[in-house]
Amino acid sequence: MYSIGEVAKRFNLPVSTLRYYDKEGLFPDIQRVSGIRKFSDNEIEALRIIDCLKKSGLEIKDIKLFMTWTKLGKETYPARKELFDHQREIVEAEIEKLERVLDMLKFKSWYYDEAIKQGNEAAVNAQIPDNLPTDIHQSYLNTH
């Protein structure tokens, strides 16, 4: 069993967030000893899932619904799977977007390194798009 402070430190969350999650019913089976929350391994695993779903963009009300489904048994497996599939698609789309952003940052970093070396942008611009280094060319193509 873990105290709320231990769990907060472990997950790098404010204690108030854990209290809020409990108030919202995300830890329905949490034990209390003399009114003090005691987190079991079940709550720790639930918190891992809550953290994942929050980071994927899901709102607390939807996470609460998911937690309710887990209590209802196997008839909710399809709904739970659909939720995770949907969130995975959202995260994959965000990763694609961020990869394009990263490629632009790589390209522009190379661009300005070269402009600094050559003392102007004209020579660098003359390399675009066909005479770029292979990795920079790929980054350029991904952003244009």
Protein backbone atom coordinates (compact mmCIF):
# COMPACT_ATOMS: atom_id res chain seq x y z
CA MET A 1 0.00 0.00 0.00
CA TYR A 2 1.16 3.48 -0.85
CA SER A 3 0.34 6.85 0.66
CA ILE A 4 -1.05 9.64 -1.48
CA GLY A 5 2.28 11.47 -1.14
CA GLU A 6 4.24 8.45 -2.39
CA VAL A 7 1.93 8.06 -5.37
CA ALA A 8 2.07 11.78 -6.15
CA LYS A 9 5.86 11.68 -6.15
CA ARG A 10 5.98 8.49 -8.21
CA PHE A 11 3.74 9.94 -10.94
CA ASN A 12 4.97 13.51 -10.60
CA LEU A 13 1.44 14.73 -9.86
CA PRO A 14 0.15 17.14 -7.26
CA VAL A 15 -1.63 15.48 -4.34
CA SER A 16 -4.65 17.62 -5.24
CA THR A 17 -4.88 15.86 -8.62
CA LEU A 18 -5.05 12.45 -6.95
CA ARG A 19 -7.73 13.74 -4.57
CA TYR A 20 -9.66 15.08 -7.57
CA TYR A 21 -9.40 11.74 -9.38
CA ASP A 22 -10.69 10.00 -6.27
CA LYS A 23 -13.55 12.51 -5.93
CA GLU A 24 -14.44 11.85 -9.58
CA GLY A 25 -14.69 8.12 -8.84
CA LEU A 26 -11.60 7.00 -10.75
CA PHE A 27 -10.46 4.88 -7.78
CA PRO A 28 -13.72 3.20 -6.76
CA ASP A 29 -12.08 0.53 -4.61
CA ILE A 30 -9.48 2.66 -2.85
CA GLN A 31 -9.07 1.77 0.79
CA ARG A 32 -9.05 4.27 3.59
CA VAL A 33 -7.34 3.69 6.90
CA SER A 34 -8.53 6.20 9.51
CA GLY A 35 -9.71 8.38 6.61
CA ILE A 36 -6.33 8.28 4.86
CA ARG A 37 -6.27 7.00 1.27
CA LYS A 38 -4.11 3.94 0.73
CA PHE A 39 -3.25 3.13 -2.86
CA SER A 40 -2.89 -0.53 -3.79
CA ASP A 41 -1.25 -1.94 -6.89
CA ASN A 42 -4.72 -1.84 -8.51
CA GLU A 43 -4.93 1.93 -8.08
CA ILE A 44 -1.35 2.29 -9.31
CA GLU A 45 -2.25 0.39 -12.50
CA ALA A 46 -5.45 2.43 -12.85
CA LEU A 47 -3.37 5.59 -12.53
CA ARG A 48 -1.06 4.40 -15.31
CA ILE A 49 -4.09 3.99 -17.57
CA ILE A 50 -5.60 7.31 -16.46
CA ASP A 51 -2.27 9.02 -17.17
CA CYS A 52 -2.08 7.43 -20.62
CA LEU A 53 -5.64 8.37 -21.52
CA LYS A 54 -5.20 11.95 -20.25
CA LYS A 55 -2.00 12.35 -22.26
CA SER A 56 -3.83 11.01 -25.32
CA GLY A 57 -6.33 13.86 -24.97
CA LEU A 58 -9.24 12.12 -23.28
CA GLU A 59 -11.28 14.17 -20.83
CA ILE A 60 -11.87 13.08 -17.24
CA LYS A 61 -15.57 12.41 -17.90
CA ASP A 62 -14.60 9.94 -20.64
CA ILE A 63 -11.93 8.34 -18.49
CA LYS A 64 -14.55 7.95 -15.78
CA LEU A 65 -16.80 6.19 -18.30
CA PHE A 66 -13.93 3.86 -19.19
CA MET A 67 -13.37 3.09 -15.50
CA THR A 68 -17.09 2.32 -15.18
CA TRP A 69 -16.82 -0.06 -18.13
CA THR A 70 -14.00 -1.94 -16.41
CA LYS A 71 -16.36 -2.71 -13.54
CA LEU A 72 -19.11 -3.98 -15.86
CA GLY A 73 -17.14 -6.94 -17.14
CA LYS A 74 -16.40 -8.56 -20.45
CA GLU A 75 -19.47 -7.23 -22.27
CA THR A 76 -17.69 -3.86 -22.37
CA TYR A 77 -14.50 -5.22 -23.99
CA PRO A 78 -15.54 -4.00 -27.47
CA ALA A 79 -16.26 -0.48 -26.18
CA ARG A 80 -12.97 -0.38 -24.27
CA LYS A 81 -11.03 -1.58 -27.32
CA GLU A 82 -12.76 0.99 -29.53
CA LEU A 83 -11.81 3.74 -27.08
CA PHE A 84 -8.14 2.71 -27.13
CA ASP A 85 -8.17 2.32 -30.92
CA HIS A 86 -9.64 5.80 -31.31
CA GLN A 87 -7.12 7.37 -28.93
CA ARG A 88 -4.28 5.56 -30.68
CA GLU A 89 -5.40 7.09 -34.01
CA ILE A 90 -5.43 10.54 -32.43
CA VAL A 91 -1.93 10.07 -30.99
CA GLU A 92 -0.58 8.68 -34.28
CA ALA A 93 -1.96 11.73 -36.13
CA GLU A 94 -0.34 14.03 -33.59
CA ILE A 95 2.97 12.17 -33.96
CA GLU A 96 2.80 12.63 -37.75
CA LYS A 97 2.18 16.34 -37.28
CA LEU A 98 5.06 16.62 -34.83
CA GLU A 99 7.37 14.70 -37.19
CA ARG A 100 6.68 17.34 -39.85
CA VAL A 101 7.41 20.07 -37.30
CA LEU A 102 10.65 18.31 -36.32
CA ASP A 103 11.65 17.99 -39.96
CA MET A 104 11.13 21.72 -40.50
CA LEU A 105 13.26 22.44 -37.45
CA LYS A 106 15.98 20.09 -38.75
CA PHE A 107 15.87 21.66 -42.20
CA LYS A 108 15.97 25.24 -40.93
CA SER A 109 18.74 24.44 -38.44
CA TRP A 110 20.83 22.99 -41.29
CA TYR A 111 19.86 25.95 -43.49
CA TYR A 112 21.14 28.51 -40.99
CA ASP A 113 24.26 26.48 -40.18
CA GLU A 114 25.07 26.59 -43.88
CA ALA A 115 24.18 30.31 -44.20
CA ILE A 116 26.51 31.06 -41.30
CA LYS A 117 29.33 28.99 -42.84
CA GLN A 118 28.90 30.55 -46.29
CA GLY A 119 28.15 34.06 -45.08
CA ASN A 120 24.88 34.36 -47.03
CA GLU A 121 21.68 32.57 -47.94
CA ALA A 122 22.06 32.72 -51.71
CA ALA A 123 24.42 29.74 -51.87
CA VAL A 124 22.19 27.76 -49.54
CA ASN A 125 19.07 28.56 -51.55
CA ALA A 126 20.88 27.36 -54.68
CA GLN A 127 21.05 23.87 -53.11
CA ILE A 128 17.29 23.63 -52.62
CA PRO A 129 15.76 21.18 -53.36
CA ASP A 130 17.96 18.93 -55.50
CA ASN A 131 21.41 19.41 -53.94
CA LEU A 132 20.60 18.96 -50.30
CA PRO A 133 22.27 16.31 -48.13
CA THR A 134 20.14 13.15 -48.15
CA ASP A 135 18.75 13.44 -44.61
CA ILE A 136 18.05 17.15 -45.02
CA HIS A 137 16.45 16.51 -48.41
CA GLN A 138 14.05 14.05 -46.77
CA SER A 139 13.22 16.57 -44.04
CA TYR A 140 12.68 19.25 -46.68
CA LEU A 141 10.35 17.00 -48.68
CA ASN A 142 8.35 16.14 -45.57
CA THR A 143 7.71 19.82 -44.91
CA HIS A 144 7.01 21.10 -48.42
